[in-house]
Amino acid sequence: MADKKNNVGKNQKKTAPKKMTNKNGVQNGQNRQNVSNSRPSSANKQGRPVNVGARMNIREQTPAKRRTAKETKRINPDSPEIKRTAKRAQGYRIKKKKKRISPVVLANVILFSLVFIIFSSITAVIFYANLVKTDAPPFERLSVKVGPSNKIDNTASVRVNPEQYFRDGVMYINMTTVFEEFDFTITGDTKEIRFITDIKSGENVRFVKGTPFAEINGNTVRLKYNVIEEDGQIYVPAQFFEEYVDGIELLLDEEKSTLSVIRQTTKDVSGVYQEKEITFKLKNSKMTSSLLEDSLTEEEKAKTYFVGISDGDNDLEN
């Protein structure tokens, strides 16, 4: 059995195909590869191979050549690594251009805008309120009395709204109440109103509503404040009574919060109180028409004072 096995082994070794070797002892398969590699490859003047990717003979792969191949591969512009690096950089620049605003920054901007708008609105409201602000009346309650001086103490007072008699720190008088109490005659329309104190004397005053203008016995004056119509009542600044009216007195009792519009009275020889005539300090300035001396009666001449006319030179001499 041993001989058979040995013979079989020998026979297998004999039948195995022999590998052809060249003179240098290199196998034929390797020779075929080396044939293709041993073909004259293109090289530069320095002896460095251009086609770095081609397979080289193992004997040709010296350390110097391998370093040269690495350096050539590293600086080759067609290298895949270099192309990938360029694409990566280009992609980064595109993302940088599309960079969005941070949500935190956007929230801060919106919050600042809201706070600014709120504070600006509050400041504008306060500023406007100061412009239109009116002084509060000096009294929380106010009572008014209208009557003659000899009866004013016993005259019942009427509770009124202080804001109607005190406007922006200015005291007003209800002219409608005065004319009703003192028997004035009233005429007018929606734009103006006239009060006549006495038909016989013709004393009158005309007010233009909503303006400071008044006409007293034909004389136009300008008050410091407007005449106001409110709820069918005419309110006149107290300045009018203090500067232009005779026969009416205004008295303000701050302790009792009472305003008295008093018609002045006098006591005659018999002890009876007589009301004074209500007149205005400004009189009609219109001149009466001239009368001929011959047209006057003897009685009228006796009551008339004649002024002599002299030469201007004589007046200077005298």
Protein backbone atom coordinates (compact mmCIF):
# COMPACT_ATOMS: atom_id res chain seq x y z
CA MET A 1 0.00 0.00 0.00
CA ALA A 2 2.84 2.31 0.83
CA ASP A 3 4.37 1.69 -2.55
CA LYS A 4 1.13 2.44 -4.31
CA LYS A 5 0.68 5.73 -2.46
CA ASN A 6 4.23 6.73 -3.20
CA ASN A 7 3.82 5.84 -6.82
CA VAL A 8 0.59 7.79 -6.99
CA GLY A 9 2.33 10.84 -5.48
CA LYS A 10 5.16 10.50 -7.92
CA ASN A 11 2.78 10.11 -10.79
CA GLN A 12 0.87 13.25 -9.74
CA LYS A 13 4.08 15.18 -9.48
CA LYS A 14 5.14 13.95 -12.89
CA THR A 15 1.81 14.82 -14.49
CA ALA A 16 1.63 18.34 -12.98
CA PRO A 17 2.30 20.98 -15.60
CA LYS A 18 5.66 22.56 -15.36
CA LYS A 19 5.86 26.27 -14.96
CA MET A 20 8.03 27.91 -17.47
CA THR A 21 10.73 30.10 -16.11
CA ASN A 22 12.95 32.51 -17.92
CA LYS A 23 16.62 32.81 -17.55
CA ASN A 24 16.26 34.97 -14.49
CA GLY A 25 14.13 32.41 -12.76
CA VAL A 26 10.85 34.44 -13.03
CA GLN A 27 7.67 32.59 -13.84
CA ASN A 28 6.01 33.01 -17.22
CA GLY A 29 2.81 34.53 -15.77
CA GLN A 30 4.81 37.15 -14.09
CA ASN A 31 6.84 37.57 -17.27
CA ARG A 32 3.66 38.27 -19.20
CA GLN A 33 2.77 40.99 -16.76
CA ASN A 34 6.25 42.32 -16.82
CA VAL A 35 6.17 42.35 -20.58
CA SER A 36 3.37 44.83 -20.53
CA ASN A 37 5.01 46.77 -17.71
CA SER A 38 8.43 46.58 -19.31
CA ARG A 39 7.21 48.33 -22.39
CA PRO A 40 8.71 51.69 -22.74
CA SER A 41 6.44 53.97 -20.61
CA SER A 42 6.32 57.64 -21.10
CA ALA A 43 8.50 59.54 -18.62
CA ASN A 44 9.46 63.11 -18.19
CA LYS A 45 12.96 64.42 -18.48
CA GLN A 46 13.61 63.81 -14.79
CA GLY A 47 12.80 60.13 -15.16
CA ARG A 48 9.51 60.31 -13.24
CA PRO A 49 6.65 58.23 -14.69
CA VAL A 50 3.67 60.25 -15.90
CA ASN A 51 1.15 57.45 -15.64
CA VAL A 52 1.42 57.03 -11.89
CA GLY A 53 -1.61 54.79 -11.70
CA ALA A 54 -0.01 52.09 -13.88
CA ARG A 55 1.38 49.04 -12.15
CA MET A 56 5.16 48.93 -11.93
CA ASN A 57 7.66 46.15 -11.59
CA ILE A 58 8.36 45.34 -7.97
CA ARG A 59 12.03 45.98 -8.56
CA GLU A 60 11.31 49.39 -9.95
CA GLN A 61 9.32 50.44 -6.83
CA THR A 62 12.22 51.94 -4.96
CA PRO A 63 11.60 54.29 -2.00
CA ALA A 64 12.61 57.30 -4.05
CA LYS A 65 10.16 56.45 -6.82
CA ARG A 66 7.36 55.81 -4.36
CA ARG A 67 7.94 59.25 -2.77
CA THR A 68 7.94 60.81 -6.22
CA ALA A 69 4.67 59.05 -7.09
CA LYS A 70 3.04 60.32 -3.86
CA GLU A 71 4.16 63.90 -4.50
CA THR A 72 3.00 63.75 -8.11
CA LYS A 73 -0.33 62.30 -7.05
CA ARG A 74 -0.73 64.93 -4.31
CA ILE A 75 -0.31 67.91 -6.65
CA ASN A 76 -2.12 66.40 -9.62
CA PRO A 77 -5.06 68.76 -10.41
CA ASP A 78 -7.02 65.85 -11.81
CA SER A 79 -6.75 63.95 -8.56
CA PRO A 80 -10.13 62.87 -7.14
CA GLU A 81 -9.14 64.18 -3.72
CA ILE A 82 -8.54 67.67 -5.08
CA LYS A 83 -11.84 67.65 -6.97
CA ARG A 84 -13.74 66.55 -3.86
CA THR A 85 -12.10 69.33 -1.84
CA ALA A 86 -13.17 71.92 -4.41
CA LYS A 87 -16.74 70.65 -4.43
CA ARG A 88 -16.84 70.64 -0.62
CA ALA A 89 -15.67 74.27 -0.48
CA GLN A 90 -18.17 75.33 -3.12
CA GLY A 91 -21.01 73.69 -1.23
CA TYR A 92 -20.01 75.51 1.94
CA ARG A 93 -20.17 78.87 0.18
CA ILE A 94 -23.67 78.17 -1.11
CA LYS A 95 -24.90 77.35 2.38
CA LYS A 96 -23.33 80.53 3.73
CA LYS A 97 -25.28 82.67 1.24
CA LYS A 98 -28.56 81.07 2.29
CA LYS A 99 -27.89 81.59 5.99
CA ARG A 100 -31.09 82.76 7.75
CA ILE A 101 -31.58 85.27 10.60
CA SER A 102 -31.35 83.72 14.00
CA PRO A 103 -34.77 83.25 15.67
CA VAL A 104 -33.40 84.85 18.84
CA VAL A 105 -32.35 87.99 16.98
CA LEU A 106 -35.71 88.16 15.19
CA ALA A 107 -37.59 87.80 18.49
CA ASN A 108 -35.52 90.58 20.07
CA VAL A 109 -36.22 92.91 17.16
CA ILE A 110 -39.97 92.28 17.35
CA LEU A 111 -39.98 92.77 21.13
CA PHE A 112 -38.08 96.04 20.85
CA SER A 113 -40.50 97.30 18.19
CA LEU A 114 -43.53 96.50 20.36
CA VAL A 115 -42.03 98.22 23.41
CA PHE A 116 -41.12 101.28 21.34
CA ILE A 117 -44.65 101.55 19.89
CA ILE A 118 -46.26 101.22 23.33
CA PHE A 119 -44.06 103.88 24.93
CA SER A 120 -44.53 106.22 21.95
CA SER A 121 -48.31 105.87 22.20
CA ILE A 122 -48.32 106.57 25.93
CA THR A 123 -46.11 109.65 25.45
CA ALA A 124 -48.37 110.97 22.68
CA VAL A 125 -51.51 110.50 24.81
CA ILE A 126 -49.94 112.29 27.79
CA PHE A 127 -48.74 115.15 25.59
CA TYR A 128 -52.18 115.58 24.00
CA ALA A 129 -53.88 115.44 27.40
CA ASN A 130 -51.65 118.23 28.66
CA LEU A 131 -52.55 120.35 25.64
CA VAL A 132 -56.30 120.04 26.13
CA LYS A 133 -56.22 119.86 29.91
CA THR A 134 -58.58 122.31 31.63
CA ASP A 135 -58.29 123.60 35.14
CA ALA A 136 -60.70 121.99 37.55
CA PRO A 137 -63.28 124.34 39.11
CA PRO A 138 -62.25 125.70 42.50
CA PHE A 139 -65.41 124.29 44.10
CA GLU A 140 -66.81 120.80 44.21
CA ARG A 141 -70.27 122.33 44.62
CA LEU A 142 -71.60 125.79 43.82
CA SER A 143 -74.79 127.70 44.67
CA VAL A 144 -76.01 130.81 42.84
CA LYS A 145 -78.21 133.65 44.10
CA VAL A 146 -79.77 136.33 41.85
CA GLY A 147 -81.70 139.26 43.30
CA PRO A 148 -81.70 142.86 44.64
CA SER A 149 -79.17 143.79 47.30
CA ASN A 150 -81.80 144.40 50.02
CA LYS A 151 -83.20 140.87 49.59
CA ILE A 152 -80.17 138.85 48.59
CA ASP A 153 -79.58 137.42 52.08
CA ASN A 154 -83.04 135.89 52.15
CA THR A 155 -82.97 134.78 48.52
CA ALA A 156 -82.92 131.02 48.02
CA SER A 157 -79.82 129.71 46.29
CA VAL A 158 -79.86 127.28 43.41
CA ARG A 159 -77.34 124.44 43.16
CA VAL A 160 -75.54 124.53 39.80
CA ASN A 161 -72.75 122.66 38.02
CA PRO A 162 -69.43 124.36 38.92
CA GLU A 163 -67.99 123.46 35.51
CA GLN A 164 -70.58 125.71 33.84
CA TYR A 165 -69.54 128.77 35.88
CA PHE A 166 -65.79 128.09 35.95
CA ARG A 167 -64.18 127.18 32.62
CA ASP A 168 -60.38 126.88 32.39
CA GLY A 169 -60.08 128.97 35.54
CA VAL A 170 -62.35 131.75 34.18
CA MET A 171 -65.59 132.65 35.95
CA TYR A 172 -68.72 132.90 33.79
CA ILE A 173 -72.20 134.29 34.50
CA ASN A 174 -75.42 132.79 33.16
CA MET A 175 -76.79 135.78 31.24
CA THR A 176 -80.07 133.98 30.57
CA THR A 177 -80.81 133.76 34.32
CA VAL A 178 -79.92 137.45 34.77
CA PHE A 179 -82.24 138.72 32.06
CA GLU A 180 -85.13 136.58 33.37
CA GLU A 181 -84.65 137.85 36.94
CA PHE A 182 -84.12 141.52 36.04
CA ASP A 183 -86.72 141.77 33.26
CA PHE A 184 -84.42 142.30 30.30
CA THR A 185 -85.75 142.18 26.77
CA ILE A 186 -84.05 139.63 24.57
CA THR A 187 -83.86 139.32 20.76
CA GLY A 188 -81.57 137.47 18.38
CA ASP A 189 -81.02 134.40 16.27
CA THR A 190 -78.71 131.39 16.07
CA LYS A 191 -75.59 133.53 15.54
CA GLU A 192 -76.09 136.49 17.88
CA ILE A 193 -78.27 137.58 20.76
CA ARG A 194 -79.17 141.05 22.08
CA PHE A 195 -80.16 142.04 25.63
CA ILE A 196 -82.00 145.34 26.19
CA THR A 197 -82.01 146.57 29.78
CA ASP A 198 -84.60 149.34 29.25
CA ILE A 199 -86.77 150.00 26.22
CA LYS A 200 -87.10 153.73 27.05
CA SER A 201 -83.37 154.35 27.43
CA GLY A 202 -82.41 151.88 24.71
CA GLU A 203 -79.46 150.50 26.66
CA ASN A 204 -78.48 147.22 24.98
CA VAL A 205 -75.68 144.78 24.38
CA ARG A 206 -75.28 142.32 21.52
CA PHE A 207 -73.15 139.16 21.79
CA VAL A 208 -71.84 137.05 18.90
CA LYS A 209 -72.07 133.41 20.06
CA GLY A 210 -68.87 131.46 20.20
CA THR A 211 -66.69 134.58 19.86
CA PRO A 212 -65.28 137.20 22.26
CA PHE A 213 -66.99 140.06 20.37
CA ALA A 214 -69.74 142.20 21.87
CA GLU A 215 -71.43 145.41 20.79
CA ILE A 216 -72.35 147.72 23.68
CA ASN A 217 -74.65 150.58 22.68
CA GLY A 218 -73.17 150.41 19.17
CA ASN A 219 -69.55 150.20 20.40
CA THR A 220 -67.74 147.01 19.43
CA VAL A 221 -65.50 145.50 22.12
CA ARG A 222 -63.46 142.34 22.36
CA LEU A 223 -63.64 140.35 25.58
CA LYS A 224 -60.79 138.18 26.79
CA TYR A 225 -62.85 135.00 26.44
CA ASN A 226 -65.60 133.67 24.19
CA VAL A 227 -69.32 133.90 24.84
CA ILE A 228 -70.65 130.34 25.14
CA GLU A 229 -74.08 128.88 24.40
CA GLU A 230 -74.76 125.58 26.14
CA ASP A 231 -78.10 123.80 26.58
CA GLY A 232 -79.96 126.93 25.49
CA GLN A 233 -78.19 129.09 28.10
CA ILE A 234 -75.85 132.01 27.34
CA TYR A 235 -72.71 132.18 29.49
CA VAL A 236 -70.80 135.48 29.49
CA PRO A 237 -67.34 136.03 31.06
CA ALA A 238 -67.56 137.84 34.41
CA GLN A 239 -65.16 140.38 32.90
CA PHE A 240 -68.10 141.89 30.98
CA PHE A 241 -70.01 142.77 34.17
CA GLU A 242 -66.92 144.06 35.97
CA GLU A 243 -65.77 146.38 33.16
CA TYR A 244 -68.87 147.46 31.24
CA VAL A 245 -72.01 147.18 33.43
CA ASP A 246 -73.37 149.58 36.05
CA GLY A 247 -76.11 148.51 38.46
CA ILE A 248 -75.07 144.83 38.81
CA GLU A 249 -72.54 143.54 41.32
CA LEU A 250 -70.91 140.11 41.54
CA LEU A 251 -70.03 138.63 44.91
CA LEU A 252 -68.26 135.25 45.37
CA ASP A 253 -68.25 133.71 48.84
CA GLU A 254 -65.54 131.03 48.71
CA GLU A 255 -66.21 129.72 52.20
CA LYS A 256 -69.88 129.04 51.44
CA SER A 257 -69.21 128.25 47.74
CA THR A 258 -71.89 130.75 46.79
CA LEU A 259 -71.98 133.17 43.86
CA SER A 260 -74.36 136.15 44.17
CA VAL A 261 -75.48 138.26 41.20
CA ILE A 262 -76.81 141.37 42.94
CA ARG A 263 -78.83 144.24 41.52
CA GLN A 264 -77.87 147.35 43.43
CA THR A 265 -80.57 149.29 45.29
CA THR A 266 -80.79 152.64 47.10
CA LYS A 267 -83.06 153.84 49.89
CA ASP A 268 -85.05 157.00 49.18
CA VAL A 269 -86.04 159.68 51.69
CA SER A 270 -89.07 157.70 52.73
CA GLY A 271 -86.94 154.62 53.51
CA VAL A 272 -88.11 152.60 50.52
CA TYR A 273 -85.52 150.67 48.51
CA GLN A 274 -85.37 151.54 44.85
CA GLU A 275 -83.55 149.42 42.29
CA LYS A 276 -80.86 151.17 40.32
CA GLU A 277 -81.16 151.35 36.57
CA ILE A 278 -78.92 148.86 34.78
CA THR A 279 -76.82 150.72 32.24
CA PHE A 280 -73.60 150.26 30.32
CA LYS A 281 -70.47 152.35 30.66
CA LEU A 282 -70.09 152.68 26.91
CA LYS A 283 -72.66 155.01 25.37
CA ASN A 284 -73.89 155.55 21.86
CA SER A 285 -71.28 157.66 20.09
CA LYS A 286 -73.53 158.71 17.20
CA MET A 287 -73.91 162.48 16.86
CA THR A 288 -77.38 163.96 16.76
CA SER A 289 -78.42 165.96 13.72
CA SER A 290 -77.82 169.69 13.93
CA LEU A 291 -80.75 172.04 14.55
CA LEU A 292 -81.16 175.62 13.26
CA GLU A 293 -81.43 178.24 15.97
CA ASP A 294 -84.43 179.85 14.28
CA SER A 295 -86.35 176.55 14.48
CA LEU A 296 -86.20 176.48 18.30
CA THR A 297 -88.93 177.85 20.49
CA GLU A 298 -88.21 180.40 23.20
CA GLU A 299 -88.51 177.67 25.85
CA GLU A 300 -86.04 175.44 23.99
CA LYS A 301 -83.67 178.36 23.52
CA ALA A 302 -83.74 179.00 27.26
CA LYS A 303 -82.59 175.41 27.92
CA THR A 304 -79.94 175.48 25.20
CA TYR A 305 -76.36 176.54 25.69
CA PHE A 306 -74.84 178.22 22.63
CA VAL A 307 -71.12 178.08 22.01
CA GLY A 308 -69.64 181.13 20.35
CA ILE A 309 -67.35 180.70 17.36
CA SER A 310 -64.26 182.86 17.28
CA ASP A 311 -61.34 183.26 14.95
CA GLY A 312 -58.44 180.96 15.50
CA ASP A 313 -55.97 183.90 15.62
CA ASN A 314 -58.05 185.65 18.29
CA ASP A 315 -58.04 182.44 20.33
CA LEU A 316 -54.30 182.29 20.14
CA GLU A 317 -54.03 185.97 21.16
CA ASN A 318 -56.40 185.44 24.08
